[in-house]
ModelCIF file with pLDDT and N, C-alpha, C, O atoms, coordinates in Angstrom:
data_MODEL
#
_entry.id   MODEL 
#
_entity.id                         1 
_entity.type                       polymer 
_entity.pdbx_number_of_molecules   1 
#
_entity_poly.entity_id                      1 
_entity_poly.type                           'polypeptide(L)' 
_entity_poly.nstd_linkage                   no 
_entity_poly.nstd_monomer                   no 
_entity_poly.pdbx_seq_one_letter_code       
;(UNK)(UNK)(UNK)(UNK)(UNK)(UNK)(UNK)(UNK)(UNK)(UNK)(UNK)(UNK)(UNK)(UNK)(UNK)(UNK)
(UNK)(UNK)(UNK)(UNK)(UNK)(UNK)(UNK)(UNK)(UNK)(UNK)(UNK)(UNK)(UNK)(UNK)(UNK)(UNK)
(UNK)(UNK)(UNK)(UNK)(UNK)(UNK)(UNK)(UNK)(UNK)
;
_entity_poly.pdbx_seq_one_letter_code_can   XXXXXXXXXXXXXXXXXXXXXXXXXXXXXXXXXXXXXXXXX 
_entity_poly.pdbx_strand_id                 A 
#
loop_
_entity_poly_seq.entity_id 
_entity_poly_seq.num 
_entity_poly_seq.mon_id 
_entity_poly_seq.hetero 
1 1  UNK n 
1 2  UNK n 
1 3  UNK n 
1 4  UNK n 
1 5  UNK n 
1 6  UNK n 
1 7  UNK n 
1 8  UNK n 
1 9  UNK n 
1 10 UNK n 
1 11 UNK n 
1 12 UNK n 
1 13 UNK n 
1 14 UNK n 
1 15 UNK n 
1 16 UNK n 
1 17 UNK n 
1 18 UNK n 
1 19 UNK n 
1 20 UNK n 
1 21 UNK n 
1 22 UNK n 
1 23 UNK n 
1 24 UNK n 
1 25 UNK n 
1 26 UNK n 
1 27 UNK n 
1 28 UNK n 
1 29 UNK n 
1 30 UNK n 
1 31 UNK n 
1 32 UNK n 
1 33 UNK n 
1 34 UNK n 
1 35 UNK n 
1 36 UNK n 
1 37 UNK n 
1 38 UNK n 
1 39 UNK n 
1 40 UNK n 
1 41 UNK n 
#
_struct_asym.id          A 
_struct_asym.entity_id   1 
#
loop_
_ma_qa_metric.id 
_ma_qa_metric.mode 
_ma_qa_metric.name 
_ma_qa_metric.software_group_id 
_ma_qa_metric.type 
1 global pLDDT . pLDDT 
2 local  pLDDT . pLDDT 
#
_ma_qa_metric_global.metric_id      1 
_ma_qa_metric_global.metric_value   96.00 
_ma_qa_metric_global.model_id       1 
_ma_qa_metric_global.ordinal_id     1 
#
loop_
_ma_qa_metric_local.label_asym_id 
_ma_qa_metric_local.label_comp_id 
_ma_qa_metric_local.label_seq_id 
_ma_qa_metric_local.metric_id 
_ma_qa_metric_local.metric_value 
_ma_qa_metric_local.model_id 
_ma_qa_metric_local.ordinal_id 
A UNK 1  2 95.00 1 1  
A UNK 2  2 95.00 1 2  
A UNK 3  2 92.00 1 3  
A UNK 4  2 90.00 1 4  
A UNK 5  2 91.00 1 5  
A UNK 6  2 91.00 1 6  
A UNK 7  2 94.00 1 7  
A UNK 8  2 96.00 1 8  
A UNK 9  2 97.00 1 9  
A UNK 10 2 98.00 1 10 
A UNK 11 2 98.00 1 11 
A UNK 12 2 97.00 1 12 
A UNK 13 2 96.00 1 13 
A UNK 14 2 94.00 1 14 
A UNK 15 2 93.00 1 15 
A UNK 16 2 95.00 1 16 
A UNK 17 2 96.00 1 17 
A UNK 18 2 96.00 1 18 
A UNK 19 2 97.00 1 19 
A UNK 20 2 97.00 1 20 
A UNK 21 2 98.00 1 21 
A UNK 22 2 98.00 1 22 
A UNK 23 2 98.00 1 23 
A UNK 24 2 98.00 1 24 
A UNK 25 2 98.00 1 25 
A UNK 26 2 98.00 1 26 
A UNK 27 2 98.00 1 27 
A UNK 28 2 98.00 1 28 
A UNK 29 2 97.00 1 29 
A UNK 30 2 97.00 1 30 
A UNK 31 2 97.00 1 31 
A UNK 32 2 94.00 1 32 
A UNK 33 2 93.00 1 33 
A UNK 34 2 95.00 1 34 
A UNK 35 2 97.00 1 35 
A UNK 36 2 98.00 1 36 
A UNK 37 2 98.00 1 37 
A UNK 38 2 98.00 1 38 
A UNK 39 2 97.00 1 39 
A UNK 40 2 97.00 1 40 
A UNK 41 2 96.00 1 41 
#
loop_
_atom_site.group_PDB 
_atom_site.id 
_atom_site.type_symbol 
_atom_site.label_atom_id 
_atom_site.label_alt_id 
_atom_site.label_comp_id 
_atom_site.label_asym_id 
_atom_site.label_entity_id 
_atom_site.label_seq_id 
_atom_site.pdbx_PDB_ins_code 
_atom_site.Cartn_x 
_atom_site.Cartn_y 
_atom_site.Cartn_z 
_atom_site.occupancy 
_atom_site.B_iso_or_equiv 
_atom_site.pdbx_formal_charge 
_atom_site.auth_seq_id 
_atom_site.auth_comp_id 
_atom_site.auth_asym_id 
_atom_site.auth_atom_id 
_atom_site.pdbx_PDB_model_num 
ATOM 1   N N  . UNK A 1 1  ? -0.051  26.895 18.580 1.00 95.00 ? 1  UNK A N  1 
ATOM 2   C CA . UNK A 1 1  ? 1.316   26.380 18.544 1.00 95.00 ? 1  UNK A CA 1 
ATOM 3   C C  . UNK A 1 1  ? 1.570   25.577 17.275 1.00 95.00 ? 1  UNK A C  1 
ATOM 4   O O  . UNK A 1 1  ? 2.646   25.674 16.684 1.00 95.00 ? 1  UNK A O  1 
ATOM 5   N N  . UNK A 1 2  ? 0.592   24.788 16.855 1.00 95.00 ? 2  UNK A N  1 
ATOM 6   C CA . UNK A 1 2  ? 0.738   24.056 15.596 1.00 95.00 ? 2  UNK A CA 1 
ATOM 7   C C  . UNK A 1 2  ? 0.898   25.031 14.428 1.00 95.00 ? 2  UNK A C  1 
ATOM 8   O O  . UNK A 1 2  ? 1.720   24.811 13.539 1.00 95.00 ? 2  UNK A O  1 
ATOM 9   N N  . UNK A 1 3  ? 0.119   26.096 14.436 1.00 92.00 ? 3  UNK A N  1 
ATOM 10  C CA . UNK A 1 3  ? 0.189   27.080 13.357 1.00 92.00 ? 3  UNK A CA 1 
ATOM 11  C C  . UNK A 1 3  ? 1.539   27.786 13.340 1.00 92.00 ? 3  UNK A C  1 
ATOM 12  O O  . UNK A 1 3  ? 2.130   27.974 12.277 1.00 92.00 ? 3  UNK A O  1 
ATOM 13  N N  . UNK A 1 4  ? 2.026   28.175 14.511 1.00 90.00 ? 4  UNK A N  1 
ATOM 14  C CA . UNK A 1 4  ? 3.302   28.892 14.582 1.00 90.00 ? 4  UNK A CA 1 
ATOM 15  C C  . UNK A 1 4  ? 4.457   28.038 14.114 1.00 90.00 ? 4  UNK A C  1 
ATOM 16  O O  . UNK A 1 4  ? 5.299   28.502 13.346 1.00 90.00 ? 4  UNK A O  1 
ATOM 17  N N  . UNK A 1 5  ? 4.511   26.790 14.567 1.00 91.00 ? 5  UNK A N  1 
ATOM 18  C CA . UNK A 1 5  ? 5.650   25.920 14.261 1.00 91.00 ? 5  UNK A CA 1 
ATOM 19  C C  . UNK A 1 5  ? 5.527   25.230 12.910 1.00 91.00 ? 5  UNK A C  1 
ATOM 20  O O  . UNK A 1 5  ? 6.525   24.771 12.355 1.00 91.00 ? 5  UNK A O  1 
ATOM 21  N N  . UNK A 1 6  ? 4.308   25.154 12.375 1.00 91.00 ? 6  UNK A N  1 
ATOM 22  C CA . UNK A 1 6  ? 4.104   24.423 11.133 1.00 91.00 ? 6  UNK A CA 1 
ATOM 23  C C  . UNK A 1 6  ? 4.007   22.925 11.333 1.00 91.00 ? 6  UNK A C  1 
ATOM 24  O O  . UNK A 1 6  ? 3.952   22.171 10.361 1.00 91.00 ? 6  UNK A O  1 
ATOM 25  N N  . UNK A 1 7  ? 3.985   22.482 12.582 1.00 94.00 ? 7  UNK A N  1 
ATOM 26  C CA . UNK A 1 7  ? 3.874   21.047 12.864 1.00 94.00 ? 7  UNK A CA 1 
ATOM 27  C C  . UNK A 1 7  ? 2.461   20.557 12.577 1.00 94.00 ? 7  UNK A C  1 
ATOM 28  O O  . UNK A 1 7  ? 1.498   21.316 12.683 1.00 94.00 ? 7  UNK A O  1 
ATOM 29  N N  . UNK A 1 8  ? 2.345   19.284 12.214 1.00 96.00 ? 8  UNK A N  1 
ATOM 30  C CA . UNK A 1 8  ? 1.022   18.679 12.048 1.00 96.00 ? 8  UNK A CA 1 
ATOM 31  C C  . UNK A 1 8  ? 0.868   17.482 12.981 1.00 96.00 ? 8  UNK A C  1 
ATOM 32  O O  . UNK A 1 8  ? 0.115   16.550 12.697 1.00 96.00 ? 8  UNK A O  1 
ATOM 33  N N  . UNK A 1 9  ? 1.599   17.524 14.107 1.00 97.00 ? 9  UNK A N  1 
ATOM 34  C CA . UNK A 1 9  ? 1.545   16.456 15.093 1.00 97.00 ? 9  UNK A CA 1 
ATOM 35  C C  . UNK A 1 9  ? 1.417   17.065 16.490 1.00 97.00 ? 9  UNK A C  1 
ATOM 36  O O  . UNK A 1 9  ? 2.145   17.991 16.845 1.00 97.00 ? 9  UNK A O  1 
ATOM 37  N N  . UNK A 1 10 ? 0.487   16.534 17.270 1.00 98.00 ? 10 UNK A N  1 
ATOM 38  C CA . UNK A 1 10 ? 0.272   16.999 18.638 1.00 98.00 ? 10 UNK A CA 1 
ATOM 39  C C  . UNK A 1 10 ? 0.190   15.797 19.564 1.00 98.00 ? 10 UNK A C  1 
ATOM 40  O O  . UNK A 1 10 ? -0.538  14.842 19.292 1.00 98.00 ? 10 UNK A O  1 
ATOM 41  N N  . UNK A 1 11 ? 0.942   15.847 20.662 1.00 98.00 ? 11 UNK A N  1 
ATOM 42  C CA . UNK A 1 11 ? 0.832   14.810 21.687 1.00 98.00 ? 11 UNK A CA 1 
ATOM 43  C C  . UNK A 1 11 ? 0.402   15.460 22.992 1.00 98.00 ? 11 UNK A C  1 
ATOM 44  O O  . UNK A 1 11 ? 0.704   16.624 23.256 1.00 98.00 ? 11 UNK A O  1 
ATOM 45  N N  . UNK A 1 12 ? -0.302  14.692 23.794 1.00 97.00 ? 12 UNK A N  1 
ATOM 46  C CA . UNK A 1 12 ? -0.821  15.152 25.077 1.00 97.00 ? 12 UNK A CA 1 
ATOM 47  C C  . UNK A 1 12 ? -0.098  14.433 26.197 1.00 97.00 ? 12 UNK A C  1 
ATOM 48  O O  . UNK A 1 12 ? 0.132   13.226 26.119 1.00 97.00 ? 12 UNK A O  1 
ATOM 49  N N  . UNK A 1 13 ? 0.262   15.168 27.241 1.00 96.00 ? 13 UNK A N  1 
ATOM 50  C CA . UNK A 1 13 ? 0.871   14.581 28.422 1.00 96.00 ? 13 UNK A CA 1 
ATOM 51  C C  . UNK A 1 13 ? 0.228   15.129 29.676 1.00 96.00 ? 13 UNK A C  1 
ATOM 52  O O  . UNK A 1 13 ? -0.396  16.190 29.646 1.00 96.00 ? 13 UNK A O  1 
ATOM 53  N N  . UNK A 1 14 ? 0.376   14.410 30.783 1.00 94.00 ? 14 UNK A N  1 
ATOM 54  C CA . UNK A 1 14 ? -0.132  14.888 32.057 1.00 94.00 ? 14 UNK A CA 1 
ATOM 55  C C  . UNK A 1 14 ? -1.436  14.231 32.458 1.00 94.00 ? 14 UNK A C  1 
ATOM 56  O O  . UNK A 1 14 ? -2.223  13.803 31.614 1.00 94.00 ? 14 UNK A O  1 
ATOM 57  N N  . UNK A 1 15 ? -1.654  14.160 33.774 1.00 93.00 ? 15 UNK A N  1 
ATOM 58  C CA . UNK A 1 15 ? -2.806  13.441 34.301 1.00 93.00 ? 15 UNK A CA 1 
ATOM 59  C C  . UNK A 1 15 ? -4.144  14.014 33.917 1.00 93.00 ? 15 UNK A C  1 
ATOM 60  O O  . UNK A 1 15 ? -5.121  13.271 33.823 1.00 93.00 ? 15 UNK A O  1 
ATOM 61  N N  . UNK A 1 16 ? -4.225  15.339 33.686 1.00 95.00 ? 16 UNK A N  1 
ATOM 62  C CA . UNK A 1 16 ? -5.496  15.941 33.282 1.00 95.00 ? 16 UNK A CA 1 
ATOM 63  C C  . UNK A 1 16 ? -5.925  15.405 31.919 1.00 95.00 ? 16 UNK A C  1 
ATOM 64  O O  . UNK A 1 16 ? -7.107  15.447 31.575 1.00 95.00 ? 16 UNK A O  1 
ATOM 65  N N  . UNK A 1 17 ? -4.968  14.902 31.147 1.00 96.00 ? 17 UNK A N  1 
ATOM 66  C CA . UNK A 1 17 ? -5.273  14.334 29.841 1.00 96.00 ? 17 UNK A CA 1 
ATOM 67  C C  . UNK A 1 17 ? -6.125  13.086 29.896 1.00 96.00 ? 17 UNK A C  1 
ATOM 68  O O  . UNK A 1 17 ? -6.550  12.591 28.853 1.00 96.00 ? 17 UNK A O  1 
ATOM 69  N N  . UNK A 1 18 ? -6.388  12.561 31.085 1.00 96.00 ? 18 UNK A N  1 
ATOM 70  C CA . UNK A 1 18 ? -7.272  11.408 31.198 1.00 96.00 ? 18 UNK A CA 1 
ATOM 71  C C  . UNK A 1 18 ? -8.742  11.788 31.018 1.00 96.00 ? 18 UNK A C  1 
ATOM 72  O O  . UNK A 1 18 ? -9.596  10.914 30.866 1.00 96.00 ? 18 UNK A O  1 
ATOM 73  N N  . UNK A 1 19 ? -9.041  13.102 31.036 1.00 97.00 ? 19 UNK A N  1 
ATOM 74  C CA . UNK A 1 19 ? -10.413 13.554 30.863 1.00 97.00 ? 19 UNK A CA 1 
ATOM 75  C C  . UNK A 1 19 ? -10.878 13.303 29.423 1.00 97.00 ? 19 UNK A C  1 
ATOM 76  O O  . UNK A 1 19 ? -10.230 13.750 28.476 1.00 97.00 ? 19 UNK A O  1 
ATOM 77  N N  . UNK A 1 20 ? -11.979 12.600 29.260 1.00 97.00 ? 20 UNK A N  1 
ATOM 78  C CA . UNK A 1 20 ? -12.454 12.207 27.930 1.00 97.00 ? 20 UNK A CA 1 
ATOM 79  C C  . UNK A 1 20 ? -12.872 13.413 27.091 1.00 97.00 ? 20 UNK A C  1 
ATOM 80  O O  . UNK A 1 20 ? -12.608 13.444 25.890 1.00 97.00 ? 20 UNK A O  1 
ATOM 81  N N  . UNK A 1 21 ? -13.519 14.403 27.701 1.00 98.00 ? 21 UNK A N  1 
ATOM 82  C CA . UNK A 1 21 ? -13.954 15.585 26.949 1.00 98.00 ? 21 UNK A CA 1 
ATOM 83  C C  . UNK A 1 21 ? -12.745 16.366 26.435 1.00 98.00 ? 21 UNK A C  1 
ATOM 84  O O  . UNK A 1 21 ? -12.771 16.881 25.317 1.00 98.00 ? 21 UNK A O  1 
ATOM 85  N N  . UNK A 1 22 ? -11.703 16.454 27.232 1.00 98.00 ? 22 UNK A N  1 
ATOM 86  C CA . UNK A 1 22 ? -10.473 17.136 26.832 1.00 98.00 ? 22 UNK A CA 1 
ATOM 87  C C  . UNK A 1 22 ? -9.872  16.459 25.603 1.00 98.00 ? 22 UNK A C  1 
ATOM 88  O O  . UNK A 1 22 ? -9.544  17.132 24.625 1.00 98.00 ? 22 UNK A O  1 
ATOM 89  N N  . UNK A 1 23 ? -9.726  15.145 25.642 1.00 98.00 ? 23 UNK A N  1 
ATOM 90  C CA . UNK A 1 23 ? -9.154  14.423 24.502 1.00 98.00 ? 23 UNK A CA 1 
ATOM 91  C C  . UNK A 1 23 ? -10.044 14.556 23.265 1.00 98.00 ? 23 UNK A C  1 
ATOM 92  O O  . UNK A 1 23 ? -9.551  14.642 22.140 1.00 98.00 ? 23 UNK A O  1 
ATOM 93  N N  . UNK A 1 24 ? -11.357 14.573 23.488 1.00 98.00 ? 24 UNK A N  1 
ATOM 94  C CA . UNK A 1 24 ? -12.289 14.742 22.371 1.00 98.00 ? 24 UNK A CA 1 
ATOM 95  C C  . UNK A 1 24 ? -12.072 16.089 21.679 1.00 98.00 ? 24 UNK A C  1 
ATOM 96  O O  . UNK A 1 24 ? -12.067 16.162 20.450 1.00 98.00 ? 24 UNK A O  1 
ATOM 97  N N  . UNK A 1 25 ? -11.894 17.149 22.461 1.00 98.00 ? 25 UNK A N  1 
ATOM 98  C CA . UNK A 1 25 ? -11.655 18.474 21.883 1.00 98.00 ? 25 UNK A CA 1 
ATOM 99  C C  . UNK A 1 25 ? -10.375 18.493 21.053 1.00 98.00 ? 25 UNK A C  1 
ATOM 100 O O  . UNK A 1 25 ? -10.368 19.001 19.932 1.00 98.00 ? 25 UNK A O  1 
ATOM 101 N N  . UNK A 1 26 ? -9.298  17.944 21.598 1.00 98.00 ? 26 UNK A N  1 
ATOM 102 C CA . UNK A 1 26 ? -8.019  17.955 20.886 1.00 98.00 ? 26 UNK A CA 1 
ATOM 103 C C  . UNK A 1 26 ? -8.093  17.108 19.616 1.00 98.00 ? 26 UNK A C  1 
ATOM 104 O O  . UNK A 1 26 ? -7.540  17.481 18.581 1.00 98.00 ? 26 UNK A O  1 
ATOM 105 N N  . UNK A 1 27 ? -8.772  15.979 19.699 1.00 98.00 ? 27 UNK A N  1 
ATOM 106 C CA . UNK A 1 27 ? -8.945  15.120 18.522 1.00 98.00 ? 27 UNK A CA 1 
ATOM 107 C C  . UNK A 1 27 ? -9.696  15.869 17.421 1.00 98.00 ? 27 UNK A C  1 
ATOM 108 O O  . UNK A 1 27 ? -9.312  15.823 16.253 1.00 98.00 ? 27 UNK A O  1 
ATOM 109 N N  . UNK A 1 28 ? -10.766 16.556 17.806 1.00 98.00 ? 28 UNK A N  1 
ATOM 110 C CA . UNK A 1 28 ? -11.588 17.265 16.828 1.00 98.00 ? 28 UNK A CA 1 
ATOM 111 C C  . UNK A 1 28 ? -10.835 18.444 16.217 1.00 98.00 ? 28 UNK A C  1 
ATOM 112 O O  . UNK A 1 28 ? -10.924 18.684 15.013 1.00 98.00 ? 28 UNK A O  1 
ATOM 113 N N  . UNK A 1 29 ? -10.096 19.175 17.045 1.00 97.00 ? 29 UNK A N  1 
ATOM 114 C CA . UNK A 1 29 ? -9.313  20.305 16.530 1.00 97.00 ? 29 UNK A CA 1 
ATOM 115 C C  . UNK A 1 29 ? -8.296  19.825 15.504 1.00 97.00 ? 29 UNK A C  1 
ATOM 116 O O  . UNK A 1 29 ? -8.174  20.408 14.427 1.00 97.00 ? 29 UNK A O  1 
ATOM 117 N N  . UNK A 1 30 ? -7.571  18.768 15.833 1.00 97.00 ? 30 UNK A N  1 
ATOM 118 C CA . UNK A 1 30 ? -6.550  18.270 14.904 1.00 97.00 ? 30 UNK A CA 1 
ATOM 119 C C  . UNK A 1 30 ? -7.181  17.756 13.612 1.00 97.00 ? 30 UNK A C  1 
ATOM 120 O O  . UNK A 1 30 ? -6.639  17.977 12.529 1.00 97.00 ? 30 UNK A O  1 
ATOM 121 N N  . UNK A 1 31 ? -8.307  17.081 13.716 1.00 97.00 ? 31 UNK A N  1 
ATOM 122 C CA . UNK A 1 31 ? -8.989  16.590 12.521 1.00 97.00 ? 31 UNK A CA 1 
ATOM 123 C C  . UNK A 1 31 ? -9.421  17.748 11.635 1.00 97.00 ? 31 UNK A C  1 
ATOM 124 O O  . UNK A 1 31 ? -9.332  17.656 10.411 1.00 97.00 ? 31 UNK A O  1 
ATOM 125 N N  . UNK A 1 32 ? -9.886  18.836 12.238 1.00 94.00 ? 32 UNK A N  1 
ATOM 126 C CA . UNK A 1 32 ? -10.373 19.978 11.469 1.00 94.00 ? 32 UNK A CA 1 
ATOM 127 C C  . UNK A 1 32 ? -9.248  20.651 10.702 1.00 94.00 ? 32 UNK A C  1 
ATOM 128 O O  . UNK A 1 32 ? -9.479  21.181 9.615  1.00 94.00 ? 32 UNK A O  1 
ATOM 129 N N  . UNK A 1 33 ? -8.016  20.642 11.253 1.00 93.00 ? 33 UNK A N  1 
ATOM 130 C CA . UNK A 1 33 ? -6.915  21.296 10.560 1.00 93.00 ? 33 UNK A CA 1 
ATOM 131 C C  . UNK A 1 33 ? -5.984  20.299 9.852  1.00 93.00 ? 33 UNK A C  1 
ATOM 132 O O  . UNK A 1 33 ? -4.939  20.692 9.334  1.00 93.00 ? 33 UNK A O  1 
ATOM 133 N N  . UNK A 1 34 ? -6.357  19.023 9.828  1.00 95.00 ? 34 UNK A N  1 
ATOM 134 C CA . UNK A 1 34 ? -5.560  18.034 9.107  1.00 95.00 ? 34 UNK A CA 1 
ATOM 135 C C  . UNK A 1 34 ? -4.301  17.622 9.826  1.00 95.00 ? 34 UNK A C  1 
ATOM 136 O O  . UNK A 1 34 ? -3.325  17.240 9.181  1.00 95.00 ? 34 UNK A O  1 
ATOM 137 N N  . UNK A 1 35 ? -4.294  17.687 11.142 1.00 97.00 ? 35 UNK A N  1 
ATOM 138 C CA . UNK A 1 35 ? -3.140  17.279 11.938 1.00 97.00 ? 35 UNK A CA 1 
ATOM 139 C C  . UNK A 1 35 ? -3.433  15.946 12.615 1.00 97.00 ? 35 UNK A C  1 
ATOM 140 O O  . UNK A 1 35 ? -4.581  15.506 12.665 1.00 97.00 ? 35 UNK A O  1 
ATOM 141 N N  . UNK A 1 36 ? -2.394  15.310 13.134 1.00 98.00 ? 36 UNK A N  1 
ATOM 142 C CA . UNK A 1 36 ? -2.534  14.056 13.856 1.00 98.00 ? 36 UNK A CA 1 
ATOM 143 C C  . UNK A 1 36 ? -2.436  14.328 15.354 1.00 98.00 ? 36 UNK A C  1 
ATOM 144 O O  . UNK A 1 36 ? -1.664  15.180 15.796 1.00 98.00 ? 36 UNK A O  1 
ATOM 145 N N  . UNK A 1 37 ? -3.230  13.590 16.123 1.00 98.00 ? 37 UNK A N  1 
ATOM 146 C CA . UNK A 1 37 ? -3.235  13.740 17.574 1.00 98.00 ? 37 UNK A CA 1 
ATOM 147 C C  . UNK A 1 37 ? -3.008  12.393 18.233 1.00 98.00 ? 37 UNK A C  1 
ATOM 148 O O  . UNK A 1 37 ? -3.523  11.368 17.785 1.00 98.00 ? 37 UNK A O  1 
ATOM 149 N N  . UNK A 1 38 ? -2.220  12.411 19.316 1.00 98.00 ? 38 UNK A N  1 
ATOM 150 C CA . UNK A 1 38 ? -1.980  11.171 20.063 1.00 98.00 ? 38 UNK A CA 1 
ATOM 151 C C  . UNK A 1 38 ? -1.988  11.462 21.556 1.00 98.00 ? 38 UNK A C  1 
ATOM 152 O O  . UNK A 1 38 ? -1.320  12.380 22.033 1.00 98.00 ? 38 UNK A O  1 
ATOM 153 N N  . UNK A 1 39 ? -2.758  10.659 22.281 1.00 97.00 ? 39 UNK A N  1 
ATOM 154 C CA . UNK A 1 39 ? -2.725  10.655 23.740 1.00 97.00 ? 39 UNK A CA 1 
ATOM 155 C C  . UNK A 1 39 ? -2.269  9.268  24.175 1.00 97.00 ? 39 UNK A C  1 
ATOM 156 O O  . UNK A 1 39 ? -2.899  8.280  23.797 1.00 97.00 ? 39 UNK A O  1 
ATOM 157 N N  . UNK A 1 40 ? -1.210  9.160  24.946 1.00 97.00 ? 40 UNK A N  1 
ATOM 158 C CA . UNK A 1 40 ? -0.779  7.846  25.427 1.00 97.00 ? 40 UNK A CA 1 
ATOM 159 C C  . UNK A 1 40 ? -1.862  7.195  26.282 1.00 97.00 ? 40 UNK A C  1 
ATOM 160 O O  . UNK A 1 40 ? -2.807  7.855  26.714 1.00 97.00 ? 40 UNK A O  1 
ATOM 161 N N  . UNK A 1 41 ? -1.714  5.902  26.520 1.00 96.00 ? 41 UNK A N  1 
ATOM 162 C CA . UNK A 1 41 ? -2.667  5.219  27.387 1.00 96.00 ? 41 UNK A CA 1 
ATOM 163 C C  . UNK A 1 41 ? -2.619  5.841  28.779 1.00 96.00 ? 41 UNK A C  1 
ATOM 164 O O  . UNK A 1 41 ? -3.349  5.412  29.673 1.00 96.00 ? 41 UNK A O  1 
#
């Protein structure tokens, strides 16, 4: 989705986002492609 839209920003929503491994994957993916990632508290 980031590639299609050209966005370099990703936010996470939803209760499953509390999983630490999930957030770790998204953080690493965004870092690898030079994008920013944010998960709310």
